[in-house]
Amino acid sequence: ERDACRPWLVRELELLRPTLRAIVVLGGF
């Protein structure tokens, strides 16, 4: 399920590329 959902986040990161400077990750998963 994690892998099936991954493309949504991949595309989000691509769209955020021009502005994204920091990522805070909440938890080990």
PDB file of all heavy atoms in Angstrom:
ATOM      1  N   GLU A   1       0.830  -1.214   0.000  1.00  0.00           N
ATOM      2  CA  GLU A   1       0.000   0.000   0.000  1.00  0.00           C
ATOM      3  C   GLU A   1       0.854   1.250   0.000  1.00  0.00           C
ATOM      4  O   GLU A   1       0.549   2.224  -0.706  1.00  0.00           O
ATOM      5  CB  GLU A   1      -0.946  -0.037   1.203  1.00  0.00           C
ATOM      6  CG  GLU A   1      -2.020  -1.107   1.071  1.00  0.00           C
ATOM      7  CD  GLU A   1      -2.673  -1.487   2.382  1.00  0.00           C
ATOM      8  OE1 GLU A   1      -2.177  -1.082   3.459  1.00  0.00           O
ATOM      9  OE2 GLU A   1      -3.691  -2.216   2.342  1.00  0.00           O
ATOM     10  N   ARG A   2       1.927   1.229   0.742  1.00  0.00           N
ATOM     11  CA  ARG A   2       2.870   2.361   0.739  1.00  0.00           C
ATOM     12  C   ARG A   2       3.419   2.584  -0.660  1.00  0.00           C
ATOM     13  O   ARG A   2       3.469   3.715  -1.150  1.00  0.00           O
ATOM     14  CB  ARG A   2       4.007   2.057   1.712  1.00  0.00           C
ATOM     15  CG  ARG A   2       5.150   3.066   1.715  1.00  0.00           C
ATOM     16  CD  ARG A   2       6.417   2.421   2.267  1.00  0.00           C
ATOM     17  NE  ARG A   2       6.857   1.303   1.425  1.00  0.00           N
ATOM     18  CZ  ARG A   2       7.652   0.330   1.855  1.00  0.00           C
ATOM     19  NH1 ARG A   2       8.091   0.314   3.098  1.00  0.00           N
ATOM     20  NH2 ARG A   2       8.026  -0.635   1.015  1.00  0.00           N
ATOM     21  N   ASP A   3       3.821   1.506  -1.318  1.00  0.00           N
ATOM     22  CA  ASP A   3       4.415   1.639  -2.650  1.00  0.00           C
ATOM     23  C   ASP A   3       3.378   2.068  -3.684  1.00  0.00           C
ATOM     24  O   ASP A   3       3.696   2.839  -4.603  1.00  0.00           O
ATOM     25  CB  ASP A   3       5.059   0.318  -3.066  1.00  0.00           C
ATOM     26  CG  ASP A   3       6.268  -0.045  -2.203  1.00  0.00           C
ATOM     27  OD1 ASP A   3       6.757   0.835  -1.455  1.00  0.00           O
ATOM     28  OD2 ASP A   3       6.705  -1.205  -2.265  1.00  0.00           O
ATOM     29  N   ALA A   4       2.152   1.577  -3.559  1.00  0.00           N
ATOM     30  CA  ALA A   4       1.099   1.969  -4.498  1.00  0.00           C
ATOM     31  C   ALA A   4       0.797   3.461  -4.397  1.00  0.00           C
ATOM     32  O   ALA A   4       0.464   4.109  -5.400  1.00  0.00           O
ATOM     33  CB  ALA A   4      -0.166   1.155  -4.240  1.00  0.00           C
ATOM     34  N   CYS A   5       0.931   4.009  -3.206  1.00  0.00           N
ATOM     35  CA  CYS A   5       0.620   5.428  -2.967  1.00  0.00           C
ATOM     36  C   CYS A   5       1.780   6.353  -3.332  1.00  0.00           C
ATOM     37  O   CYS A   5       1.590   7.563  -3.469  1.00  0.00           O
ATOM     38  CB  CYS A   5       0.269   5.605  -1.485  1.00  0.00           C
ATOM     39  SG  CYS A   5      -0.865   6.955  -1.130  1.00  0.00           S
ATOM     40  N   ARG A   6       2.966   5.793  -3.496  1.00  0.00           N
ATOM     41  CA  ARG A   6       4.169   6.613  -3.675  1.00  0.00           C
ATOM     42  C   ARG A   6       4.097   7.600  -4.833  1.00  0.00           C
ATOM     43  O   ARG A   6       4.587   8.733  -4.701  1.00  0.00           O
ATOM     44  CB  ARG A   6       5.391   5.710  -3.829  1.00  0.00           C
ATOM     45  CG  ARG A   6       6.702   6.477  -3.998  1.00  0.00           C
ATOM     46  CD  ARG A   6       7.883   5.528  -4.053  1.00  0.00           C
ATOM     47  NE  ARG A   6       8.061   4.872  -2.778  1.00  0.00           N
ATOM     48  CZ  ARG A   6       8.516   3.619  -2.626  1.00  0.00           C
ATOM     49  NH1 ARG A   6       8.800   2.896  -3.694  1.00  0.00           N
ATOM     50  NH2 ARG A   6       8.666   3.106  -1.432  1.00  0.00           N
ATOM     51  N   PRO A   7       3.531   7.250  -5.988  1.00  0.00           N
ATOM     52  CA  PRO A   7       3.545   8.224  -7.101  1.00  0.00           C
ATOM     53  C   PRO A   7       2.881   9.554  -6.790  1.00  0.00           C
ATOM     54  O   PRO A   7       3.274  10.584  -7.351  1.00  0.00           O
ATOM     55  CB  PRO A   7       2.796   7.480  -8.214  1.00  0.00           C
ATOM     56  CG  PRO A   7       3.061   6.032  -7.945  1.00  0.00           C
ATOM     57  CD  PRO A   7       3.034   5.930  -6.445  1.00  0.00           C
ATOM     58  N   TRP A   8       1.881   9.574  -5.892  1.00  0.00           N
ATOM     59  CA  TRP A   8       1.284  10.867  -5.524  1.00  0.00           C
ATOM     60  C   TRP A   8       2.343  11.762  -4.885  1.00  0.00           C
ATOM     61  O   TRP A   8       2.436  12.956  -5.199  1.00  0.00           O
ATOM     62  CB  TRP A   8       0.121  10.670  -4.557  1.00  0.00           C
ATOM     63  CG  TRP A   8      -1.008   9.812  -5.017  1.00  0.00           C
ATOM     64  CD1 TRP A   8      -1.512   8.707  -4.379  1.00  0.00           C
ATOM     65  CD2 TRP A   8      -1.828   9.986  -6.196  1.00  0.00           C
ATOM     66  NE1 TRP A   8      -2.570   8.177  -5.091  1.00  0.00           N
ATOM     67  CE2 TRP A   8      -2.790   8.945  -6.200  1.00  0.00           C
ATOM     68  CE3 TRP A   8      -1.829  10.906  -7.235  1.00  0.00           C
ATOM     69  CZ2 TRP A   8      -3.749   8.812  -7.204  1.00  0.00           C
ATOM     70  CZ3 TRP A   8      -2.774  10.776  -8.246  1.00  0.00           C
ATOM     71  CH2 TRP A   8      -3.712   9.749  -8.231  1.00  0.00           C
ATOM     72  N   LEU A   9       3.136  11.198  -3.976  1.00  0.00           N
ATOM     73  CA  LEU A   9       4.163  11.997  -3.299  1.00  0.00           C
ATOM     74  C   LEU A   9       5.310  12.334  -4.240  1.00  0.00           C
ATOM     75  O   LEU A   9       5.871  13.435  -4.174  1.00  0.00           O
ATOM     76  CB  LEU A   9       4.677  11.249  -2.067  1.00  0.00           C
ATOM     77  CG  LEU A   9       5.758  11.945  -1.234  1.00  0.00           C
ATOM     78  CD1 LEU A   9       5.357  13.354  -0.853  1.00  0.00           C
ATOM     79  CD2 LEU A   9       6.075  11.122   0.018  1.00  0.00           C
ATOM     80  N   VAL A  10       5.665  11.416  -5.126  1.00  0.00           N
ATOM     81  CA  VAL A  10       6.714  11.715  -6.108  1.00  0.00           C
ATOM     82  C   VAL A  10       6.335  12.949  -6.931  1.00  0.00           C
ATOM     83  O   VAL A  10       7.127  13.888  -7.086  1.00  0.00           O
ATOM     84  CB  VAL A  10       6.953  10.504  -7.036  1.00  0.00           C
ATOM     85  CG1 VAL A  10       7.859  10.905  -8.210  1.00  0.00           C
ATOM     86  CG2 VAL A  10       7.577   9.347  -6.271  1.00  0.00           C
ATOM     87  N   ARG A  11       5.115  12.942  -7.443  1.00  0.00           N
ATOM     88  CA  ARG A  11       4.689  14.080  -8.271  1.00  0.00           C
ATOM     89  C   ARG A  11       4.598  15.359  -7.445  1.00  0.00           C
ATOM     90  O   ARG A  11       4.937  16.454  -7.929  1.00  0.00           O
ATOM     91  CB  ARG A  11       3.343  13.773  -8.926  1.00  0.00           C
ATOM     92  CG  ARG A  11       2.854  14.862  -9.877  1.00  0.00           C
ATOM     93  CD  ARG A  11       3.828  15.084 -11.006  1.00  0.00           C
ATOM     94  NE  ARG A  11       3.382  16.126 -11.928  1.00  0.00           N
ATOM     95  CZ  ARG A  11       4.202  16.957 -12.562  1.00  0.00           C
ATOM     96  NH1 ARG A  11       5.525  16.869 -12.379  1.00  0.00           N
ATOM     97  NH2 ARG A  11       3.714  17.869 -13.390  1.00  0.00           N
ATOM     98  N   GLU A  12       4.190  15.230  -6.183  1.00  0.00           N
ATOM     99  CA  GLU A  12       4.127  16.410  -5.319  1.00  0.00           C
ATOM    100  C   GLU A  12       5.511  17.030  -5.143  1.00  0.00           C
ATOM    101  O   GLU A  12       5.683  18.257  -5.213  1.00  0.00           O
ATOM    102  CB  GLU A  12       3.545  16.025  -3.960  1.00  0.00           C
ATOM    103  CG  GLU A  12       3.271  17.190  -3.056  1.00  0.00           C
ATOM    104  CD  GLU A  12       1.874  17.177  -2.482  1.00  0.00           C
ATOM    105  OE1 GLU A  12       1.279  16.095  -2.344  1.00  0.00           O
ATOM    106  OE2 GLU A  12       1.371  18.270  -2.176  1.00  0.00           O
ATOM    107  N   LEU A  13       6.500  16.193  -4.926  1.00  0.00           N
ATOM    108  CA  LEU A  13       7.863  16.691  -4.769  1.00  0.00           C
ATOM    109  C   LEU A  13       8.362  17.336  -6.064  1.00  0.00           C
ATOM    110  O   LEU A  13       9.062  18.357  -6.025  1.00  0.00           O
ATOM    111  CB  LEU A  13       8.788  15.550  -4.351  1.00  0.00           C
ATOM    112  CG  LEU A  13       8.607  15.055  -2.916  1.00  0.00           C
ATOM    113  CD1 LEU A  13       9.332  13.736  -2.712  1.00  0.00           C
ATOM    114  CD2 LEU A  13       9.105  16.088  -1.912  1.00  0.00           C
ATOM    115  N   GLU A  14       8.006  16.755  -7.196  1.00  0.00           N
ATOM    116  CA  GLU A  14       8.395  17.360  -8.471  1.00  0.00           C
ATOM    117  C   GLU A  14       7.785  18.752  -8.627  1.00  0.00           C
ATOM    118  O   GLU A  14       8.461  19.688  -9.062  1.00  0.00           O
ATOM    119  CB  GLU A  14       7.958  16.454  -9.617  1.00  0.00           C
ATOM    120  CG  GLU A  14       8.728  15.146  -9.707  1.00  0.00           C
ATOM    121  CD  GLU A  14       8.164  14.205 -10.750  1.00  0.00           C
ATOM    122  OE1 GLU A  14       7.010  14.424 -11.203  1.00  0.00           O
ATOM    123  OE2 GLU A  14       8.855  13.238 -11.102  1.00  0.00           O
ATOM    124  N   LEU A  15       6.513  18.889  -8.262  1.00  0.00           N
ATOM    125  CA  LEU A  15       5.844  20.177  -8.396  1.00  0.00           C
ATOM    126  C   LEU A  15       6.380  21.206  -7.405  1.00  0.00           C
ATOM    127  O   LEU A  15       6.394  22.407  -7.690  1.00  0.00           O
ATOM    128  CB  LEU A  15       4.332  19.997  -8.206  1.00  0.00           C
ATOM    129  CG  LEU A  15       3.610  19.206  -9.308  1.00  0.00           C
ATOM    130  CD1 LEU A  15       2.197  18.853  -8.872  1.00  0.00           C
ATOM    131  CD2 LEU A  15       3.588  19.998 -10.614  1.00  0.00           C
ATOM    132  N   LEU A  16       6.841  20.734  -6.240  1.00  0.00           N
ATOM    133  CA  LEU A  16       7.374  21.640  -5.218  1.00  0.00           C
ATOM    134  C   LEU A  16       8.834  22.014  -5.447  1.00  0.00           C
ATOM    135  O   LEU A  16       9.363  22.900  -4.754  1.00  0.00           O
ATOM    136  CB  LEU A  16       7.244  20.995  -3.833  1.00  0.00           C
ATOM    137  CG  LEU A  16       5.867  21.010  -3.177  1.00  0.00           C
ATOM    138  CD1 LEU A  16       5.868  20.111  -1.945  1.00  0.00           C
ATOM    139  CD2 LEU A  16       5.459  22.426  -2.784  1.00  0.00           C
ATOM    140  N   ARG A  17       9.492  21.363  -6.380  1.00  0.00           N
ATOM    141  CA  ARG A  17      10.934  21.536  -6.556  1.00  0.00           C
ATOM    142  C   ARG A  17      11.387  23.003  -6.600  1.00  0.00           C
ATOM    143  O   ARG A  17      12.403  23.362  -5.983  1.00  0.00           O
ATOM    144  CB  ARG A  17      11.401  20.811  -7.812  1.00  0.00           C
ATOM    145  CG  ARG A  17      12.896  20.991  -8.105  1.00  0.00           C
ATOM    146  CD  ARG A  17      13.282  20.365  -9.429  1.00  0.00           C
ATOM    147  NE  ARG A  17      13.278  18.922  -9.351  1.00  0.00           N
ATOM    148  CZ  ARG A  17      14.291  18.182  -8.903  1.00  0.00           C
ATOM    149  NH1 ARG A  17      15.401  18.780  -8.488  1.00  0.00           N
ATOM    150  NH2 ARG A  17      14.223  16.878  -8.864  1.00  0.00           N
ATOM    151  N   PRO A  18      10.690  23.909  -7.300  1.00  0.00           N
ATOM    152  CA  PRO A  18      11.197  25.289  -7.382  1.00  0.00           C
ATOM    153  C   PRO A  18      11.276  26.012  -6.034  1.00  0.00           C
ATOM    154  O   PRO A  18      12.078  26.950  -5.888  1.00  0.00           O
ATOM    155  CB  PRO A  18      10.184  25.982  -8.305  1.00  0.00           C
ATOM    156  CG  PRO A  18       9.583  24.887  -9.105  1.00  0.00           C
ATOM    157  CD  PRO A  18       9.503  23.724  -8.164  1.00  0.00           C
ATOM    158  N   THR A  19      10.462  25.612  -5.063  1.00  0.00           N
ATOM    159  CA  THR A  19      10.408  26.367  -3.805  1.00  0.00           C
ATOM    160  C   THR A  19      10.836  25.569  -2.581  1.00  0.00           C
ATOM    161  O   THR A  19      11.196  26.163  -1.559  1.00  0.00           O
ATOM    162  CB  THR A  19       8.980  26.888  -3.552  1.00  0.00           C
ATOM    163  OG1 THR A  19       8.068  25.780  -3.495  1.00  0.00           O
ATOM    164  CG2 THR A  19       8.551  27.840  -4.663  1.00  0.00           C
ATOM    165  N   LEU A  20      10.805  24.262  -2.635  1.00  0.00           N
ATOM    166  CA  LEU A  20      11.000  23.429  -1.444  1.00  0.00           C
ATOM    167  C   LEU A  20      12.421  23.548  -0.914  1.00  0.00           C
ATOM    168  O   LEU A  20      13.382  23.363  -1.658  1.00  0.00           O
ATOM    169  CB  LEU A  20      10.676  21.971  -1.779  1.00  0.00           C
ATOM    170  CG  LEU A  20      10.736  20.977  -0.614  1.00  0.00           C
ATOM    171  CD1 LEU A  20       9.729  21.333   0.469  1.00  0.00           C
ATOM    172  CD2 LEU A  20      10.513  19.557  -1.121  1.00  0.00           C
ATOM    173  N   ARG A  21      12.530  23.824   0.394  1.00  0.00           N
ATOM    174  CA  ARG A  21      13.839  23.978   1.021  1.00  0.00           C
ATOM    175  C   ARG A  21      14.044  23.028   2.204  1.00  0.00           C
ATOM    176  O   ARG A  21      15.194  22.751   2.556  1.00  0.00           O
ATOM    177  CB  ARG A  21      14.017  25.430   1.508  1.00  0.00           C
ATOM    178  CG  ARG A  21      13.976  26.463   0.387  1.00  0.00           C
ATOM    179  CD  ARG A  21      15.155  26.319  -0.553  1.00  0.00           C
ATOM    180  NE  ARG A  21      15.097  27.282  -1.656  1.00  0.00           N
ATOM    181  CZ  ARG A  21      14.565  27.029  -2.843  1.00  0.00           C
ATOM    182  NH1 ARG A  21      14.020  25.830  -3.083  1.00  0.00           N
ATOM    183  NH2 ARG A  21      14.545  27.932  -3.795  1.00  0.00           N
ATOM    184  N   ALA A  22      12.981  22.575   2.844  1.00  0.00           N
ATOM    185  CA  ALA A  22      13.137  21.710   4.019  1.00  0.00           C
ATOM    186  C   ALA A  22      11.958  20.751   4.129  1.00  0.00           C
ATOM    187  O   ALA A  22      10.824  21.109   3.801  1.00  0.00           O
ATOM    188  CB  ALA A  22      13.252  22.543   5.293  1.00  0.00           C
ATOM    189  N   ILE A  23      12.240  19.539   4.583  1.00  0.00           N
ATOM    190  CA  ILE A  23      11.213  18.516   4.807  1.00  0.00           C
ATOM    191  C   ILE A  23      11.337  18.037   6.243  1.00  0.00           C
ATOM    192  O   ILE A  23      12.425  17.635   6.681  1.00  0.00           O
ATOM    193  CB  ILE A  23      11.384  17.321   3.845  1.00  0.00           C
ATOM    194  CG1 ILE A  23      11.318  17.777   2.377  1.00  0.00           C
ATOM    195  CG2 ILE A  23      10.331  16.257   4.120  1.00  0.00           C
ATOM    196  CD1 ILE A  23      11.618  16.671   1.381  1.00  0.00           C
ATOM    197  N   VAL A  24      10.236  18.070   6.979  1.00  0.00           N
ATOM    198  CA  VAL A  24      10.174  17.507   8.328  1.00  0.00           C
ATOM    199  C   VAL A  24       9.404  16.195   8.234  1.00  0.00           C
ATOM    200  O   VAL A  24       8.269  16.168   7.758  1.00  0.00           O
ATOM    201  CB  VAL A  24       9.478  18.460   9.321  1.00  0.00           C
ATOM    202  CG1 VAL A  24       9.329  17.795  10.688  1.00  0.00           C
ATOM    203  CG2 VAL A  24      10.267  19.763   9.442  1.00  0.00           C
ATOM    204  N   VAL A  25      10.037  15.111   8.680  1.00  0.00           N
ATOM    205  CA  VAL A  25       9.450  13.780   8.574  1.00  0.00           C
ATOM    206  C   VAL A  25       9.017  13.335   9.964  1.00  0.00           C
ATOM    207  O   VAL A  25       9.835  13.250  10.884  1.00  0.00           O
ATOM    208  CB  VAL A  25      10.449  12.780   7.975  1.00  0.00           C
ATOM    209  CG1 VAL A  25       9.769  11.441   7.733  1.00  0.00           C
ATOM    210  CG2 VAL A  25      11.030  13.318   6.671  1.00  0.00           C
ATOM    211  N   LEU A  26       7.729  13.060  10.111  1.00  0.00           N
ATOM    212  CA  LEU A  26       7.150  12.726  11.412  1.00  0.00           C
ATOM    213  C   LEU A  26       7.061  11.207  11.568  1.00  0.00           C
ATOM    214  O   LEU A  26       6.125  10.563  11.085  1.00  0.00           O
ATOM    215  CB  LEU A  26       5.767  13.360  11.541  1.00  0.00           C
ATOM    216  CG  LEU A  26       5.747  14.890  11.459  1.00  0.00           C
ATOM    217  CD1 LEU A  26       4.332  15.407  11.259  1.00  0.00           C
ATOM    218  CD2 LEU A  26       6.370  15.502  12.701  1.00  0.00           C
ATOM    219  N   GLY A  27       8.057  10.617  12.210  1.00  0.00           N
ATOM    220  CA  GLY A  27       8.024   9.196  12.508  1.00  0.00           C
ATOM    221  C   GLY A  27       8.846   8.342  11.562  1.00  0.00           C
ATOM    222  O   GLY A  27       9.172   8.729  10.440  1.00  0.00           O
ATOM    223  N   GLY A  28       9.166   7.145  12.039  1.00  0.00           N
ATOM    224  CA  GLY A  28      10.062   6.254  11.316  1.00  0.00           C
ATOM    225  C   GLY A  28       9.477   5.700  10.034  1.00  0.00           C
ATOM    226  O   GLY A  28      10.205   5.500   9.048  1.00  0.00           O
ATOM    227  N   PHE A  29       8.168   5.407   9.992  1.00  0.00           N
ATOM    228  CA  PHE A  29       7.571   4.864   8.770  1.00  0.00           C
ATOM    229  C   PHE A  29       7.675   5.885   7.643  1.00  0.00           C
ATOM    230  O   PHE A  29       8.078   5.559   6.523  1.00  0.00           O
ATOM    231  CB  PHE A  29       6.111   4.489   9.000  1.00  0.00           C
ATOM    232  CG  PHE A  29       5.435   3.896   7.786  1.00  0.00           C
ATOM    233  CD1 PHE A  29       5.315   2.528   7.631  1.00  0.00           C
ATOM    234  CD2 PHE A  29       4.915   4.712   6.794  1.00  0.00           C
ATOM    235  CE1 PHE A  29       4.703   1.981   6.516  1.00  0.00           C
ATOM    236  CE2 PHE A  29       4.295   4.193   5.673  1.00  0.00           C
ATOM    237  CZ  PHE A  29       4.190   2.814   5.532  1.00  0.00           C
TER     238      PHE A  29
END
